[in-house]
Structures are given as structure tokens and as C-alpha cells.
Protein backbone atom coordinates (compact mmCIF):
# COMPACT_ATOMS: atom_id res chain seq x y z
CA UNK A 1 -57.10 19.24 -47.26
CA UNK A 2 -57.73 16.81 -50.10
CA UNK A 3 -55.12 14.29 -51.27
CA UNK A 4 -54.90 16.18 -54.57
CA UNK A 5 -54.11 19.53 -52.92
CA UNK A 6 -51.67 17.87 -50.53
CA UNK A 7 -49.88 16.27 -53.50
CA UNK A 8 -49.78 19.56 -55.40
CA UNK A 9 -48.37 21.54 -52.48
CA UNK A 10 -45.90 18.81 -51.53
CA UNK A 11 -44.68 18.56 -55.12
CA UNK A 12 -44.11 22.31 -55.32
CA UNK A 13 -42.19 22.33 -52.03
CA UNK A 14 -39.98 19.38 -53.00
CA UNK A 15 -39.35 20.60 -56.54
CA UNK A 16 -38.41 24.03 -55.20
CA UNK A 17 -35.99 22.40 -52.78
CA UNK A 18 -34.46 19.72 -55.04
CA UNK A 19 -35.31 20.81 -58.57
CA UNK A 20 -37.83 19.29 -60.92
CA UNK A 21 -35.50 16.47 -61.96
CA UNK A 22 -34.19 16.00 -58.43
CA UNK A 23 -37.42 14.68 -56.95
CA UNK A 24 -39.25 11.47 -57.83
CA UNK A 25 -42.96 10.76 -57.87
CA UNK A 26 -42.35 8.17 -55.16
CA UNK A 27 -40.73 10.83 -52.95
CA UNK A 28 -43.60 13.30 -53.57
CA UNK A 29 -46.23 10.68 -52.75
CA UNK A 30 -44.42 9.58 -49.61
CA UNK A 31 -43.99 13.14 -48.33
CA UNK A 32 -47.70 13.81 -49.02
CA UNK A 33 -48.68 10.69 -47.09
CA UNK A 34 -50.22 8.86 -50.05
CA UNK A 35 -49.18 6.00 -52.30
CA UNK A 36 -47.40 6.56 -55.58
CA UNK A 37 -50.40 4.84 -57.21
CA UNK A 38 -52.64 7.61 -55.83
CA UNK A 39 -50.36 10.22 -57.41
CA UNK A 40 -50.49 8.45 -60.79
CA UNK A 41 -54.25 7.85 -60.53
CA UNK A 42 -54.84 11.55 -59.94
CA UNK A 43 -52.23 13.10 -62.22
CA UNK A 44 -50.64 10.48 -64.47
CA UNK A 45 -47.15 11.99 -64.32
CA UNK A 46 -44.94 14.44 -62.49
CA UNK A 47 -45.31 16.97 -65.31
CA UNK A 48 -49.12 16.69 -65.20
CA UNK A 49 -48.92 17.23 -61.44
CA UNK A 50 -47.03 20.50 -61.95
CA UNK A 51 -49.34 21.51 -64.82
CA UNK A 52 -52.34 21.01 -62.53
CA UNK A 53 -50.65 23.09 -59.82
CA UNK A 54 -50.20 25.95 -62.29
CA UNK A 55 -53.86 25.85 -63.25
CA UNK A 56 -55.03 25.49 -59.66
CA UNK A 57 -52.88 28.10 -57.94
CA UNK A 58 -51.85 30.70 -60.53
CA UNK A 59 -53.71 34.00 -60.76
CA UNK A 60 -56.18 33.88 -63.69
CA UNK A 61 -59.22 32.87 -61.65
CA UNK A 62 -58.45 35.31 -58.85
CA UNK A 63 -57.98 38.19 -61.29
CA UNK A 64 -61.25 37.41 -63.05
CA UNK A 65 -63.09 37.61 -59.69
CA UNK A 66 -61.42 40.94 -58.89
CA UNK A 67 -62.56 42.44 -62.20
CA UNK A 68 -66.06 40.94 -61.94
CA UNK A 69 -66.78 41.70 -58.29
CA UNK A 70 -64.43 44.13 -56.59
CA UNK A 71 -63.58 47.13 -58.74
CA UNK A 72 -65.12 50.45 -57.71
CA UNK A 73 -64.61 52.39 -61.00
CA UNK A 74 -61.93 54.66 -59.49
CA UNK A 75 -58.76 54.34 -61.55
CA UNK A 76 -56.18 54.62 -58.77
CA UNK A 77 -58.12 52.49 -56.25
CA UNK A 78 -58.85 49.80 -58.82
CA UNK A 79 -55.28 49.64 -60.12
CA UNK A 80 -53.93 49.43 -56.58
CA UNK A 81 -56.30 46.55 -55.80
CA UNK A 82 -55.36 44.74 -59.02
CA UNK A 83 -51.67 45.25 -58.30
CA UNK A 84 -51.93 44.01 -54.72
CA UNK A 85 -53.84 40.89 -55.74
CA UNK A 86 -51.35 40.20 -58.53
CA UNK A 87 -48.37 40.63 -56.20
CA UNK A 88 -50.03 38.47 -53.53
CA UNK A 89 -50.66 35.70 -56.05
CA UNK A 90 -47.18 35.88 -57.54
CA UNK A 91 -45.54 35.85 -54.11
CA UNK A 92 -47.73 32.99 -52.93
CA UNK A 93 -46.64 31.05 -56.02
CA UNK A 94 -42.99 32.09 -56.14
CA UNK A 95 -41.70 28.53 -55.61
CA UNK A 96 -43.79 27.23 -58.50
CA UNK A 97 -42.74 30.14 -60.73
CA UNK A 98 -39.05 29.51 -59.98
CA UNK A 99 -39.45 25.81 -60.81
CA UNK A 100 -41.07 26.51 -64.18
CA UNK A 101 -38.56 29.24 -65.11
CA UNK A 102 -35.44 27.28 -64.12
CA UNK A 103 -36.09 23.95 -65.81
CA UNK A 104 -35.52 23.95 -69.60
CA UNK A 105 -37.65 20.83 -70.17
CA UNK A 106 -40.67 22.65 -68.72
CA UNK A 107 -41.01 25.03 -71.67
CA UNK A 108 -44.43 23.55 -72.57
CA UNK A 109 -45.63 24.46 -69.08
CA UNK A 110 -44.25 27.99 -69.44
CA UNK A 111 -46.15 28.28 -72.71
CA UNK A 112 -49.31 26.97 -71.04
CA UNK A 113 -48.92 29.39 -68.13
CA UNK A 114 -49.01 32.28 -70.62
CA UNK A 115 -52.81 32.03 -70.59
CA UNK A 116 -52.74 33.80 -67.22
CA UNK A 117 -51.02 37.02 -68.38
CA UNK A 118 -53.02 36.92 -71.61
CA UNK A 119 -56.25 36.90 -69.62
CA UNK A 120 -55.00 39.69 -67.35
CA UNK A 121 -54.08 41.77 -70.42
CA UNK A 122 -57.58 41.27 -71.85
CA UNK A 123 -59.24 42.17 -68.54
CA UNK A 124 -57.11 45.29 -68.14
CA UNK A 125 -57.63 46.41 -71.76
CA UNK A 126 -61.41 46.00 -71.38
CA UNK A 127 -61.27 47.91 -68.09
CA UNK A 128 -59.30 50.77 -69.66
CA UNK A 129 -61.70 50.85 -72.62
CA UNK A 130 -64.68 51.08 -70.26
CA UNK A 131 -63.02 53.78 -68.15
CA UNK A 132 -62.35 55.76 -71.35
CA UNK A 133 -65.98 55.42 -72.47
CA UNK A 134 -67.10 56.70 -69.05
CA UNK A 135 -64.70 59.65 -69.26
CA UNK A 136 -62.70 58.38 -66.27
CA UNK A 137 -59.50 57.71 -68.24
CA UNK A 138 -57.69 59.52 -71.01
CA UNK A 139 -58.01 58.24 -74.56
CA UNK A 140 -55.11 55.90 -75.19
CA UNK A 141 -54.26 52.51 -76.62
CA UNK A 142 -55.84 50.24 -74.01
CA UNK A 143 -53.67 47.25 -74.85
CA UNK A 144 -50.49 49.34 -74.52
CA UNK A 145 -51.74 50.69 -71.18
CA UNK A 146 -52.56 47.16 -70.01
CA UNK A 147 -49.14 45.85 -70.99
CA UNK A 148 -47.35 48.79 -69.36
CA UNK A 149 -49.24 48.22 -66.12
CA UNK A 150 -48.51 44.49 -66.25
CA UNK A 151 -44.79 45.00 -66.96
CA UNK A 152 -44.53 47.39 -64.02
CA UNK A 153 -45.99 44.72 -61.74
CA UNK A 154 -44.12 41.81 -63.28
CA UNK A 155 -40.83 43.69 -63.08
CA UNK A 156 -41.47 44.49 -59.43
CA UNK A 157 -42.09 40.82 -58.72
CA UNK A 158 -39.16 39.51 -60.79
CA UNK A 159 -36.73 41.89 -59.08
CA UNK A 160 -37.14 39.83 -55.91
CA UNK A 161 -37.90 36.35 -57.27
CA UNK A 162 -34.41 34.97 -56.78
CA UNK A 163 -33.63 37.02 -53.65
CA UNK A 164 -31.06 39.14 -55.41
CA UNK A 165 -29.62 42.27 -53.86
CA UNK A 166 -32.45 44.85 -53.75
CA UNK A 167 -32.16 47.58 -56.36
CA UNK A 168 -33.90 50.11 -54.14
CA UNK A 169 -33.97 51.15 -50.52
CA UNK A 170 -37.76 51.53 -50.57
CA UNK A 171 -40.20 48.79 -49.67
CA UNK A 172 -41.94 47.03 -52.55
CA UNK A 173 -45.47 47.88 -51.33
CA UNK A 174 -44.52 51.56 -51.01
CA UNK A 175 -42.91 51.60 -54.46
CA UNK A 176 -45.96 49.98 -56.04
CA UNK A 177 -48.29 52.53 -54.41
CA UNK A 178 -46.15 55.35 -55.80
CA UNK A 179 -45.85 53.71 -59.22
CA UNK A 180 -49.60 53.15 -59.46
CA UNK A 181 -50.26 56.71 -58.39
CA UNK A 182 -48.03 57.94 -61.23
CA UNK A 183 -49.68 55.52 -63.67
CA UNK A 184 -53.19 56.59 -62.64
CA UNK A 185 -52.30 60.28 -62.91
CA UNK A 186 -51.00 59.71 -66.42
CA UNK A 187 -54.27 57.95 -67.33
CA UNK A 188 -56.58 60.67 -65.93
CA UNK A 189 -58.56 62.56 -68.56
């Protein structure tokens, strides 16, 4: 693992444990086994370190690959794959997401992170448009369909982000499968 990746992952772990303000660059560097100078040489500041982590680990690149390489042009199968990859990415990054949501001074990073859902919305809307042109999906507002699908997935993730009492007895994977099945049925021509 490179020094950069080690710094990014160490920073996320420490910030999740102690809060963004509760951890110093010196502490991050020490825990990562590098000098503080190495941290500053690579990132310049603690905020830039977290900004880089968002760009490196959040889901935009992974979603683009899914749309470019893995979809099979079957509505339910494709939406299930997209949903699983989204949930995997969000769960893998839950510490980082909590950090950015909890710290008021990180609003610029929250704004920057919005490029990820914007890209996903564009990819989904284009996918729904294409499926409609091919007669594989009902005519509908593709952006509204994309946003509805995203909100279903985001809501499922957010319901467990802070380990609150579950609002359902069902497992999240099972609920998503059922929700996507309903969504796909509603989109069928």
C-alpha cells in the first residue's frame, strides 16, 4: 500500500473515532507510519487529505465502470447490480460519510461530494432513456425515475448509517431485492 493510501485510510479511521477536529495531522502521520512533512507534501492540509479520500474512495468511478461494462440490458438485473454496487460503496465508505455529514465546517466537502450523486443521476437517466428507446422500459420522465431509484437506495443506506434501531425486521439485502423488483415492474412497458 502506498504512503498516500495509508494516510487516507488512517485519517478516515482516526477522524471517525475522534472527530475531524479531534485528530491532528501529526497524529494521522504517526499512526500511518510517516512523517507529518510527508502528509503535508502529499496533501497540504487535513481538509485536502479528506477531500482526496472522497475523490479516491467514493462511488463515481465505480458506478461509471458498472454502466460502461457490466449492464446486461435487463431492467431488473441491471438495477439490482447498480443497487448492490452503490450499497457496497456506501457501506465501505460509511466512516468517511459520517465524518463529512457530522462536521459543520466540512460543508465545502459535502458540496464537492455532490458530484457523485449528480453523475449517478445522469448515468441512470441515460440508461432509462436508452431502455425506453429499446422498448424495454415504459415511457416516463427519466430524471424522475433516476432520482426515485437513487432515493430508495440512499434512504436504505441512511437508515443504518448511525446504527439506529432498525425500522424493519427484514434484512437490507432482501428489502432492496424486493424494492428493486417493484421498481422494475413499474418501469416495464
